[in-house]
């Protein structure tokens, strides 16, 4: 079976910057799962995995136009560190805030 819209897919991935720095990756034994065609991934990734089969590997580049769009400097803001929970971790590019679960 080939990947197409409405397929439930699980992938292992590695995301690298243009400079080759590892930015994110799926954890061993915990692939990222989603339904193709519902906008759960950036369009460039969904387009490139369509037509692939089980066990196939691929390496590709997703440009800004097929990803999150070009950098818009006017939207970048400085945020005080004190506004985040003390259990958050961060570096210059990413902030990782622990999940908060609310029981109703």
PDB file of N, CA and C in Angstrom:
ATOM      1  N   UNK A   1       0.843  -1.183   0.000  1.00  0.00           N
ATOM      2  CA  UNK A   1       0.000   0.000   0.000  1.00  0.00           C
ATOM      3  C   UNK A   1       0.887   1.244   0.000  1.00  0.00           C
ATOM      4  N   UNK A   2       0.530   2.188  -0.806  1.00  0.00           N
ATOM      5  CA  UNK A   2       1.261   3.445  -0.909  1.00  0.00           C
ATOM      6  C   UNK A   2       0.555   4.524  -0.091  1.00  0.00           C
ATOM      7  N   UNK A   3       1.346   5.456   0.445  1.00  0.00           N
ATOM      8  CA  UNK A   3       0.800   6.559   1.227  1.00  0.00           C
ATOM      9  C   UNK A   3      -0.020   7.465   0.319  1.00  0.00           C
ATOM     10  N   UNK A   4      -1.209   7.810   0.786  1.00  0.00           N
ATOM     11  CA  UNK A   4      -2.087   8.744   0.092  1.00  0.00           C
ATOM     12  C   UNK A   4      -2.962   9.443   1.128  1.00  0.00           C
ATOM     13  N   UNK A   5      -3.752  10.417   0.691  1.00  0.00           N
ATOM     14  CA  UNK A   5      -4.650  11.111   1.616  1.00  0.00           C
ATOM     15  C   UNK A   5      -5.539  10.111   2.347  1.00  0.00           C
ATOM     16  N   UNK A   6      -5.829  10.410   3.596  1.00  0.00           N
ATOM     17  CA  UNK A   6      -6.664   9.616   4.494  1.00  0.00           C
ATOM     18  C   UNK A   6      -5.960   8.384   5.062  1.00  0.00           C
ATOM     19  N   UNK A   7      -4.684   8.187   4.735  1.00  0.00           N
ATOM     20  CA  UNK A   7      -3.922   7.070   5.317  1.00  0.00           C
ATOM     21  C   UNK A   7      -3.396   7.479   6.687  1.00  0.00           C
ATOM     22  N   UNK A   8      -3.460   6.546   7.639  1.00  0.00           N
ATOM     23  CA  UNK A   8      -2.831   6.743   8.943  1.00  0.00           C
ATOM     24  C   UNK A   8      -1.394   6.276   8.792  1.00  0.00           C
ATOM     25  N   UNK A   9      -0.442   7.165   9.057  1.00  0.00           N
ATOM     26  CA  UNK A   9       0.969   6.905   8.797  1.00  0.00           C
ATOM     27  C   UNK A   9       1.786   7.137  10.059  1.00  0.00           C
ATOM     28  N   UNK A  10       2.797   6.319  10.266  1.00  0.00           N
ATOM     29  CA  UNK A  10       3.764   6.515  11.346  1.00  0.00           C
ATOM     30  C   UNK A  10       5.136   6.634  10.715  1.00  0.00           C
ATOM     31  N   UNK A  11       5.859   7.705  11.072  1.00  0.00           N
ATOM     32  CA  UNK A  11       7.187   7.916  10.493  1.00  0.00           C
ATOM     33  C   UNK A  11       8.209   8.192  11.590  1.00  0.00           C
ATOM     34  N   UNK A  12       9.415   7.758  11.339  1.00  0.00           N
ATOM     35  CA  UNK A  12      10.575   8.180  12.122  1.00  0.00           C
ATOM     36  C   UNK A  12      11.244   9.271  11.306  1.00  0.00           C
ATOM     37  N   UNK A  13      11.699  10.315  11.954  1.00  0.00           N
ATOM     38  CA  UNK A  13      12.257  11.432  11.199  1.00  0.00           C
ATOM     39  C   UNK A  13      13.415  12.075  11.941  1.00  0.00           C
ATOM     40  N   UNK A  14      14.196  12.821  11.192  1.00  0.00           N
ATOM     41  CA  UNK A  14      15.233  13.714  11.719  1.00  0.00           C
ATOM     42  C   UNK A  14      15.099  15.029  10.962  1.00  0.00           C
ATOM     43  N   UNK A  15      15.109  16.135  11.693  1.00  0.00           N
ATOM     44  CA  UNK A  15      15.001  17.461  11.104  1.00  0.00           C
ATOM     45  C   UNK A  15      16.314  18.189  11.329  1.00  0.00           C
ATOM     46  N   UNK A  16      16.935  18.630  10.241  1.00  0.00           N
ATOM     47  CA  UNK A  16      18.215  19.335  10.313  1.00  0.00           C
ATOM     48  C   UNK A  16      18.062  20.745   9.770  1.00  0.00           C
ATOM     49  N   UNK A  17      18.861  21.664  10.296  1.00  0.00           N
ATOM     50  CA  UNK A  17      18.898  23.031   9.771  1.00  0.00           C
ATOM     51  C   UNK A  17      19.687  23.025   8.462  1.00  0.00           C
ATOM     52  N   UNK A  18      19.691  24.161   7.779  1.00  0.00           N
ATOM     53  CA  UNK A  18      20.487  24.289   6.549  1.00  0.00           C
ATOM     54  C   UNK A  18      21.967  24.021   6.813  1.00  0.00           C
ATOM     55  N   UNK A  19      22.413  24.313   8.033  1.00  0.00           N
ATOM     56  CA  UNK A  19      23.815  24.114   8.396  1.00  0.00           C
ATOM     57  C   UNK A  19      24.109  22.664   8.802  1.00  0.00           C
ATOM     58  N   UNK A  20      23.081  21.810   8.798  1.00  0.00           N
ATOM     59  CA  UNK A  20      23.285  20.409   9.144  1.00  0.00           C
ATOM     60  C   UNK A  20      23.096  20.092  10.616  1.00  0.00           C
ATOM     61  N   UNK A  21      22.728  21.083  11.420  1.00  0.00           N
ATOM     62  CA  UNK A  21      22.502  20.869  12.853  1.00  0.00           C
ATOM     63  C   UNK A  21      21.184  20.130  13.076  1.00  0.00           C
ATOM     64  N   UNK A  22      21.225  19.091  13.917  1.00  0.00           N
ATOM     65  CA  UNK A  22      20.016  18.348  14.252  1.00  0.00           C
ATOM     66  C   UNK A  22      19.121  19.226  15.125  1.00  0.00           C
ATOM     67  N   UNK A  23      17.896  19.468  14.660  1.00  0.00           N
ATOM     68  CA  UNK A  23      16.948  20.318  15.379  1.00  0.00           C
ATOM     69  C   UNK A  23      15.952  19.474  16.162  1.00  0.00           C
ATOM     70  N   UNK A  24      15.467  18.401  15.550  1.00  0.00           N
ATOM     71  CA  UNK A  24      14.449  17.568  16.180  1.00  0.00           C
ATOM     72  C   UNK A  24      14.502  16.189  15.543  1.00  0.00           C
ATOM     73  N   UNK A  25      14.021  15.202  16.271  1.00  0.00           N
ATOM     74  CA  UNK A  25      13.913  13.853  15.722  1.00  0.00           C
ATOM     75  C   UNK A  25      12.904  13.060  16.528  1.00  0.00           C
ATOM     76  N   UNK A  26      12.343  12.043  15.889  1.00  0.00           N
ATOM     77  CA  UNK A  26      11.430  11.158  16.612  1.00  0.00           C
ATOM     78  C   UNK A  26      12.264  10.305  17.566  1.00  0.00           C
ATOM     79  N   UNK A  27      11.661   9.963  18.686  1.00  0.00           N
ATOM     80  CA  UNK A  27      12.370   9.157  19.673  1.00  0.00           C
ATOM     81  C   UNK A  27      12.361   7.694  19.258  1.00  0.00           C
ATOM     82  N   UNK A  28      13.424   6.978  19.609  1.00  0.00           N
ATOM     83  CA  UNK A  28      13.503   5.555  19.284  1.00  0.00           C
ATOM     84  C   UNK A  28      12.251   4.829  19.745  1.00  0.00           C
ATOM     85  N   UNK A  29      11.650   4.073  18.850  1.00  0.00           N
ATOM     86  CA  UNK A  29      10.475   3.288  19.195  1.00  0.00           C
ATOM     87  C   UNK A  29       9.201   4.093  19.316  1.00  0.00           C
ATOM     88  N   UNK A  30       9.261   5.407  19.056  1.00  0.00           N
ATOM     89  CA  UNK A  30       8.084   6.259  19.167  1.00  0.00           C
ATOM     90  C   UNK A  30       7.938   7.131  17.912  1.00  0.00           C
ATOM     91  N   UNK A  31       7.526   6.529  16.800  1.00  0.00           N
ATOM     92  CA  UNK A  31       7.380   7.320  15.574  1.00  0.00           C
ATOM     93  C   UNK A  31       6.266   8.347  15.710  1.00  0.00           C
ATOM     94  N   UNK A  32       6.312   9.353  14.857  1.00  0.00           N
ATOM     95  CA  UNK A  32       5.274  10.373  14.786  1.00  0.00           C
ATOM     96  C   UNK A  32       4.150   9.813  13.916  1.00  0.00           C
ATOM     97  N   UNK A  33       2.918   9.820  14.401  1.00  0.00           N
ATOM     98  CA  UNK A  33       1.786   9.256  13.673  1.00  0.00           C
ATOM     99  C   UNK A  33       0.771  10.349  13.355  1.00  0.00           C
ATOM    100  N   UNK A  34       0.168  10.260  12.184  1.00  0.00           N
ATOM    101  CA  UNK A  34      -0.794  11.271  11.738  1.00  0.00           C
ATOM    102  C   UNK A  34      -1.608  10.719  10.572  1.00  0.00           C
ATOM    103  N   UNK A  35      -2.666  11.436  10.208  1.00  0.00           N
ATOM    104  CA  UNK A  35      -3.483  11.086   9.047  1.00  0.00           C
ATOM    105  C   UNK A  35      -3.105  12.054   7.927  1.00  0.00           C
ATOM    106  N   UNK A  36      -2.721  11.525   6.795  1.00  0.00           N
ATOM    107  CA  UNK A  36      -2.261  12.329   5.659  1.00  0.00           C
ATOM    108  C   UNK A  36      -3.428  13.119   5.059  1.00  0.00           C
ATOM    109  N   UNK A  37      -3.146  14.383   4.744  1.00  0.00           N
ATOM    110  CA  UNK A  37      -4.122  15.210   4.046  1.00  0.00           C
ATOM    111  C   UNK A  37      -4.953  16.117   4.925  1.00  0.00           C
ATOM    112  N   UNK A  38      -4.663  16.148   6.221  1.00  0.00           N
ATOM    113  CA  UNK A  38      -5.453  16.966   7.137  1.00  0.00           C
ATOM    114  C   UNK A  38      -4.648  18.105   7.765  1.00  0.00           C
ATOM    115  N   UNK A  39      -3.498  18.408   7.173  1.00  0.00           N
ATOM    116  CA  UNK A  39      -2.708  19.546   7.619  1.00  0.00           C
ATOM    117  C   UNK A  39      -1.998  19.352   8.941  1.00  0.00           C
ATOM    118  N   UNK A  40      -1.748  18.113   9.336  1.00  0.00           N
ATOM    119  CA  UNK A  40      -1.047  17.861  10.593  1.00  0.00           C
ATOM    120  C   UNK A  40       0.462  18.031  10.451  1.00  0.00           C
ATOM    121  N   UNK A  41       0.939  18.069   9.221  1.00  0.00           N
ATOM    122  CA  UNK A  41       2.346  18.328   8.913  1.00  0.00           C
ATOM    123  C   UNK A  41       2.418  19.467   7.913  1.00  0.00           C
ATOM    124  N   UNK A  42       3.589  20.057   7.778  1.00  0.00           N
ATOM    125  CA  UNK A  42       3.755  21.082   6.758  1.00  0.00           C
ATOM    126  C   UNK A  42       3.533  20.443   5.386  1.00  0.00           C
ATOM    127  N   UNK A  43       2.977  21.189   4.432  1.00  0.00           N
ATOM    128  CA  UNK A  43       2.638  20.616   3.129  1.00  0.00           C
ATOM    129  C   UNK A  43       3.803  19.940   2.418  1.00  0.00           C
ATOM    130  N   UNK A  44       5.001  20.492   2.542  1.00  0.00           N
ATOM    131  CA  UNK A  44       6.154  19.922   1.849  1.00  0.00           C
ATOM    132  C   UNK A  44       6.477  18.507   2.275  1.00  0.00           C
ATOM    133  N   UNK A  45       6.240  18.176   3.546  1.00  0.00           N
ATOM    134  CA  UNK A  45       6.491  16.811   4.020  1.00  0.00           C
ATOM    135  C   UNK A  45       5.381  15.888   3.523  1.00  0.00           C
ATOM    136  N   UNK A  46       4.139  16.306   3.677  1.00  0.00           N
ATOM    137  CA  UNK A  46       3.023  15.471   3.210  1.00  0.00           C
ATOM    138  C   UNK A  46       3.150  15.165   1.719  1.00  0.00           C
ATOM    139  N   UNK A  47       3.501  16.161   0.926  1.00  0.00           N
ATOM    140  CA  UNK A  47       3.628  15.955  -0.519  1.00  0.00           C
ATOM    141  C   UNK A  47       4.704  14.926  -0.837  1.00  0.00           C
ATOM    142  N   UNK A  48       5.809  14.975  -0.117  1.00  0.00           N
ATOM    143  CA  UNK A  48       6.934  14.103  -0.434  1.00  0.00           C
ATOM    144  C   UNK A  48       6.761  12.663   0.053  1.00  0.00           C
ATOM    145  N   UNK A  49       5.933  12.462   1.072  1.00  0.00           N
ATOM    146  CA  UNK A  49       5.747  11.072   1.518  1.00  0.00           C
ATOM    147  C   UNK A  49       4.625  10.368   0.762  1.00  0.00           C
ATOM    148  N   UNK A  50       3.758  11.141   0.095  1.00  0.00           N
ATOM    149  CA  UNK A  50       2.700  10.503  -0.703  1.00  0.00           C
ATOM    150  C   UNK A  50       3.340   9.652  -1.791  1.00  0.00           C
ATOM    151  N   UNK A  51       2.856   8.444  -1.928  1.00  0.00           N
ATOM    152  CA  UNK A  51       3.393   7.509  -2.906  1.00  0.00           C
ATOM    153  C   UNK A  51       4.461   6.580  -2.350  1.00  0.00           C
ATOM    154  N   UNK A  52       4.948   6.861  -1.140  1.00  0.00           N
ATOM    155  CA  UNK A  52       5.951   5.980  -0.532  1.00  0.00           C
ATOM    156  C   UNK A  52       5.270   4.733   0.022  1.00  0.00           C
ATOM    157  N   UNK A  53       6.042   3.671   0.159  1.00  0.00           N
ATOM    158  CA  UNK A  53       5.526   2.421   0.696  1.00  0.00           C
ATOM    159  C   UNK A  53       6.130   2.119   2.062  1.00  0.00           C
ATOM    160  N   UNK A  54       5.623   1.100   2.707  1.00  0.00           N
ATOM    161  CA  UNK A  54       6.096   0.675   4.029  1.00  0.00           C
ATOM    162  C   UNK A  54       7.592   0.382   3.969  1.00  0.00           C
ATOM    163  N   UNK A  55       8.334   0.927   4.913  1.00  0.00           N
ATOM    164  CA  UNK A  55       9.766   0.669   5.016  1.00  0.00           C
ATOM    165  C   UNK A  55      10.637   1.516   4.113  1.00  0.00           C
ATOM    166  N   UNK A  56      10.055   2.303   3.225  1.00  0.00           N
ATOM    167  CA  UNK A  56      10.858   3.162   2.347  1.00  0.00           C
ATOM    168  C   UNK A  56      11.492   4.284   3.147  1.00  0.00           C
ATOM    169  N   UNK A  57      12.676   4.685   2.711  1.00  0.00           N
ATOM    170  CA  UNK A  57      13.396   5.794   3.332  1.00  0.00           C
ATOM    171  C   UNK A  57      13.524   6.920   2.323  1.00  0.00           C
ATOM    172  N   UNK A  58      13.525   8.148   2.811  1.00  0.00           N
ATOM    173  CA  UNK A  58      13.673   9.296   1.921  1.00  0.00           C
ATOM    174  C   UNK A  58      14.421  10.401   2.651  1.00  0.00           C
ATOM    175  N   UNK A  59      15.106  11.201   1.894  1.00  0.00           N
ATOM    176  CA  UNK A  59      15.769  12.393   2.421  1.00  0.00           C
ATOM    177  C   UNK A  59      15.394  13.530   1.486  1.00  0.00           C
ATOM    178  N   UNK A  60      14.880  14.620   2.040  1.00  0.00           N
ATOM    179  CA  UNK A  60      14.466  15.728   1.191  1.00  0.00           C
ATOM    180  C   UNK A  60      14.547  17.039   1.943  1.00  0.00           C
ATOM    181  N   UNK A  61      14.545  18.111   1.178  1.00  0.00           N
ATOM    182  CA  UNK A  61      14.594  19.470   1.718  1.00  0.00           C
ATOM    183  C   UNK A  61      13.222  20.099   1.518  1.00  0.00           C
ATOM    184  N   UNK A  62      12.710  20.731   2.565  1.00  0.00           N
ATOM    185  CA  UNK A  62      11.446  21.458   2.478  1.00  0.00           C
ATOM    186  C   UNK A  62      11.776  22.939   2.607  1.00  0.00           C
ATOM    187  N   UNK A  63      11.507  23.676   1.544  1.00  0.00           N
ATOM    188  CA  UNK A  63      11.764  25.112   1.561  1.00  0.00           C
ATOM    189  C   UNK A  63      10.698  25.865   2.336  1.00  0.00           C
ATOM    190  N   UNK A  64      10.960  27.117   2.654  1.00  0.00           N
ATOM    191  CA  UNK A  64       9.999  27.912   3.434  1.00  0.00           C
ATOM    192  C   UNK A  64       8.604  27.951   2.825  1.00  0.00           C
ATOM    193  N   UNK A  65       8.516  28.012   1.506  1.00  0.00           N
ATOM    194  CA  UNK A  65       7.205  28.105   0.854  1.00  0.00           C
ATOM    195  C   UNK A  65       6.360  26.852   1.067  1.00  0.00           C
ATOM    196  N   UNK A  66       6.990  25.711   1.324  1.00  0.00           N
ATOM    197  CA  UNK A  66       6.264  24.455   1.586  1.00  0.00           C
ATOM    198  C   UNK A  66       6.337  24.050   3.056  1.00  0.00           C
ATOM    199  N   UNK A  67       6.879  24.950   3.869  1.00  0.00           N
ATOM    200  CA  UNK A  67       7.019  24.666   5.297  1.00  0.00           C
ATOM    201  C   UNK A  67       6.230  25.673   6.111  1.00  0.00           C
ATOM    202  N   UNK A  68       6.950  26.407   6.943  1.00  0.00           N
ATOM    203  CA  UNK A  68       6.300  27.385   7.813  1.00  0.00           C
ATOM    204  C   UNK A  68       6.305  28.790   7.233  1.00  0.00           C
ATOM    205  N   UNK A  69       6.790  28.949   6.012  1.00  0.00           N
ATOM    206  CA  UNK A  69       6.844  30.262   5.378  1.00  0.00           C
ATOM    207  C   UNK A  69       8.164  30.947   5.666  1.00  0.00           C
ATOM    208  N   UNK A  70       8.427  32.058   4.985  1.00  0.00           N
ATOM    209  CA  UNK A  70       9.682  32.787   5.187  1.00  0.00           C
ATOM    210  C   UNK A  70       9.719  33.443   6.571  1.00  0.00           C
ATOM    211  N   UNK A  71      10.913  33.700   7.041  1.00  0.00           N
ATOM    212  CA  UNK A  71      11.080  34.398   8.323  1.00  0.00           C
ATOM    213  C   UNK A  71      10.523  35.813   8.170  1.00  0.00           C
ATOM    214  N   UNK A  72       9.701  36.205   9.134  1.00  0.00           N
ATOM    215  CA  UNK A  72       9.152  37.562   9.151  1.00  0.00           C
ATOM    216  C   UNK A  72       9.656  38.236  10.418  1.00  0.00           C
ATOM    217  N   UNK A  73      10.735  38.991  10.254  1.00  0.00           N
ATOM    218  CA  UNK A  73      11.411  39.634  11.386  1.00  0.00           C
ATOM    219  C   UNK A  73      10.455  40.467  12.238  1.00  0.00           C
ATOM    220  N   UNK A  74       9.444  41.055  11.618  1.00  0.00           N
ATOM    221  CA  UNK A  74       8.519  41.917  12.372  1.00  0.00           C
ATOM    222  C   UNK A  74       7.662  41.127  13.356  1.00  0.00           C
ATOM    223  N   UNK A  75       7.647  39.803  13.228  1.00  0.00           N
ATOM    224  CA  UNK A  75       6.858  38.973  14.136  1.00  0.00           C
ATOM    225  C   UNK A  75       7.685  38.390  15.290  1.00  0.00           C
ATOM    226  N   UNK A  76       8.981  38.609  15.267  1.00  0.00           N
ATOM    227  CA  UNK A  76       9.844  38.078  16.316  1.00  0.00           C
ATOM    228  C   UNK A  76       9.786  38.994  17.533  1.00  0.00           C
ATOM    229  N   UNK A  77       9.559  38.402  18.695  1.00  0.00           N
ATOM    230  CA  UNK A  77       9.418  39.169  19.939  1.00  0.00           C
ATOM    231  C   UNK A  77      10.336  38.617  21.012  1.00  0.00           C
ATOM    232  N   UNK A  78      10.841  39.500  21.856  1.00  0.00           N
ATOM    233  CA  UNK A  78      11.564  39.090  23.057  1.00  0.00           C
ATOM    234  C   UNK A  78      10.527  38.861  24.148  1.00  0.00           C
ATOM    235  N   UNK A  79      10.650  37.734  24.846  1.00  0.00           N
ATOM    236  CA  UNK A  79       9.711  37.390  25.916  1.00  0.00           C
ATOM    237  C   UNK A  79      10.508  37.138  27.184  1.00  0.00           C
ATOM    238  N   UNK A  80      10.046  37.688  28.273  1.00  0.00           N
ATOM    239  CA  UNK A  80      10.742  37.516  29.542  1.00  0.00           C
ATOM    240  C   UNK A  80      10.747  36.043  29.957  1.00  0.00           C
ATOM    241  N   UNK A  81      11.894  35.572  30.364  1.00  0.00           N
ATOM    242  CA  UNK A  81      12.036  34.186  30.827  1.00  0.00           C
ATOM    243  C   UNK A  81      11.105  33.897  31.993  1.00  0.00           C
ATOM    244  N   UNK A  82      10.849  34.881  32.819  1.00  0.00           N
ATOM    245  CA  UNK A  82      10.020  34.689  34.009  1.00  0.00           C
ATOM    246  C   UNK A  82       8.559  34.361  33.666  1.00  0.00           C
ATOM    247  N   UNK A  83       8.143  34.547  32.424  1.00  0.00           N
ATOM    248  CA  UNK A  83       6.781  34.246  32.017  1.00  0.00           C
ATOM    249  C   UNK A  83       6.541  32.754  31.776  1.00  0.00           C
ATOM    250  N   UNK A  84       7.609  31.962  31.727  1.00  0.00           N
ATOM    251  CA  UNK A  84       7.497  30.529  31.473  1.00  0.00           C
ATOM    252  C   UNK A  84       7.630  29.745  32.770  1.00  0.00           C
ATOM    253  N   UNK A  85       7.002  28.562  32.855  1.00  0.00           N
ATOM    254  CA  UNK A  85       7.153  27.740  34.060  1.00  0.00           C
ATOM    255  C   UNK A  85       8.626  27.441  34.327  1.00  0.00           C
ATOM    256  N   UNK A  86       8.981  27.313  35.602  1.00  0.00           N
ATOM    257  CA  UNK A  86      10.375  27.050  35.974  1.00  0.00           C
ATOM    258  C   UNK A  86      10.878  25.725  35.420  1.00  0.00           C
ATOM    259  N   UNK A  87       9.970  24.803  35.074  1.00  0.00           N
ATOM    260  CA  UNK A  87      10.369  23.500  34.543  1.00  0.00           C
ATOM    261  C   UNK A  87      10.624  23.535  33.037  1.00  0.00           C
ATOM    262  N   UNK A  88      10.456  24.711  32.411  1.00  0.00           N
ATOM    263  CA  UNK A  88      10.716  24.842  30.981  1.00  0.00           C
ATOM    264  C   UNK A  88      12.216  24.824  30.723  1.00  0.00           C
ATOM    265  N   UNK A  89      12.578  24.340  29.551  1.00  0.00           N
ATOM    266  CA  UNK A  89      13.973  24.423  29.116  1.00  0.00           C
ATOM    267  C   UNK A  89      13.987  25.191  27.801  1.00  0.00           C
ATOM    268  N   UNK A  90      15.110  25.799  27.464  1.00  0.00           N
ATOM    269  CA  UNK A  90      15.157  26.587  26.255  1.00  0.00           C
ATOM    270  C   UNK A  90      16.597  26.752  25.774  1.00  0.00           C
ATOM    271  N   UNK A  91      16.706  27.115  24.511  1.00  0.00           N
ATOM    272  CA  UNK A  91      17.976  27.555  23.951  1.00  0.00           C
ATOM    273  C   UNK A  91      17.652  28.779  23.094  1.00  0.00           C
ATOM    274  N   UNK A  92      18.572  29.212  22.260  1.00  0.00           N
ATOM    275  CA  UNK A  92      18.346  30.433  21.481  1.00  0.00           C
ATOM    276  C   UNK A  92      17.217  30.296  20.463  1.00  0.00           C
ATOM    277  N   UNK A  93      16.869  29.056  20.073  1.00  0.00           N
ATOM    278  CA  UNK A  93      15.894  28.875  19.011  1.00  0.00           C
ATOM    279  C   UNK A  93      14.563  28.298  19.469  1.00  0.00           C
ATOM    280  N   UNK A  94      14.546  27.548  20.562  1.00  0.00           N
ATOM    281  CA  UNK A  94      13.336  26.827  20.958  1.00  0.00           C
ATOM    282  C   UNK A  94      13.081  26.938  22.448  1.00  0.00           C
ATOM    283  N   UNK A  95      11.799  26.923  22.805  1.00  0.00           N
ATOM    284  CA  UNK A  95      11.376  26.855  24.201  1.00  0.00           C
ATOM    285  C   UNK A  95      10.569  25.573  24.351  1.00  0.00           C
ATOM    286  N   UNK A  96      10.918  24.773  25.335  1.00  0.00           N
ATOM    287  CA  UNK A  96      10.206  23.524  25.581  1.00  0.00           C
ATOM    288  C   UNK A  96       9.459  23.654  26.889  1.00  0.00           C
ATOM    289  N   UNK A  97       8.143  23.729  26.803  1.00  0.00           N
ATOM    290  CA  UNK A  97       7.294  23.880  27.985  1.00  0.00           C
ATOM    291  C   UNK A  97       6.630  22.535  28.253  1.00  0.00           C
ATOM    292  N   UNK A  98       6.771  22.005  29.474  1.00  0.00           N
ATOM    293  CA  UNK A  98       6.140  20.729  29.780  1.00  0.00           C
ATOM    294  C   UNK A  98       4.630  20.784  29.566  1.00  0.00           C
ATOM    295  N   UNK A  99       4.070  19.671  29.150  1.00  0.00           N
ATOM    296  CA  UNK A  99       2.632  19.606  28.917  1.00  0.00           C
ATOM    297  C   UNK A  99       1.881  19.850  30.223  1.00  0.00           C
ATOM    298  N   UNK A 100       0.767  20.522  30.114  1.00  0.00           N
ATOM    299  CA  UNK A 100      -0.080  20.772  31.271  1.00  0.00           C
ATOM    300  C   UNK A 100      -1.394  20.037  31.022  1.00  0.00           C
ATOM    301  N   UNK A 101      -1.775  19.203  31.948  1.00  0.00           N
ATOM    302  CA  UNK A 101      -3.005  18.431  31.818  1.00  0.00           C
ATOM    303  C   UNK A 101      -4.045  18.986  32.785  1.00  0.00           C
ATOM    304  N   UNK A 102      -5.216  19.278  32.260  1.00  0.00           N
ATOM    305  CA  UNK A 102      -6.297  19.791  33.083  1.00  0.00           C
ATOM    306  C   UNK A 102      -7.391  18.710  33.167  1.00  0.00           C
ATOM    307  N   UNK A 103      -7.793  18.419  34.369  1.00  0.00           N
ATOM    308  CA  UNK A 103      -8.871  17.443  34.570  1.00  0.00           C
ATOM    309  C   UNK A 103     -10.138  18.226  34.858  1.00  0.00           C
ATOM    310  N   UNK A 104     -11.164  17.979  34.061  1.00  0.00           N
ATOM    311  CA  UNK A 104     -12.428  18.694  34.265  1.00  0.00           C
ATOM    312  C   UNK A 104     -13.372  17.870  35.090  1.00  0.00           C
TER     313      UNK A 104
END
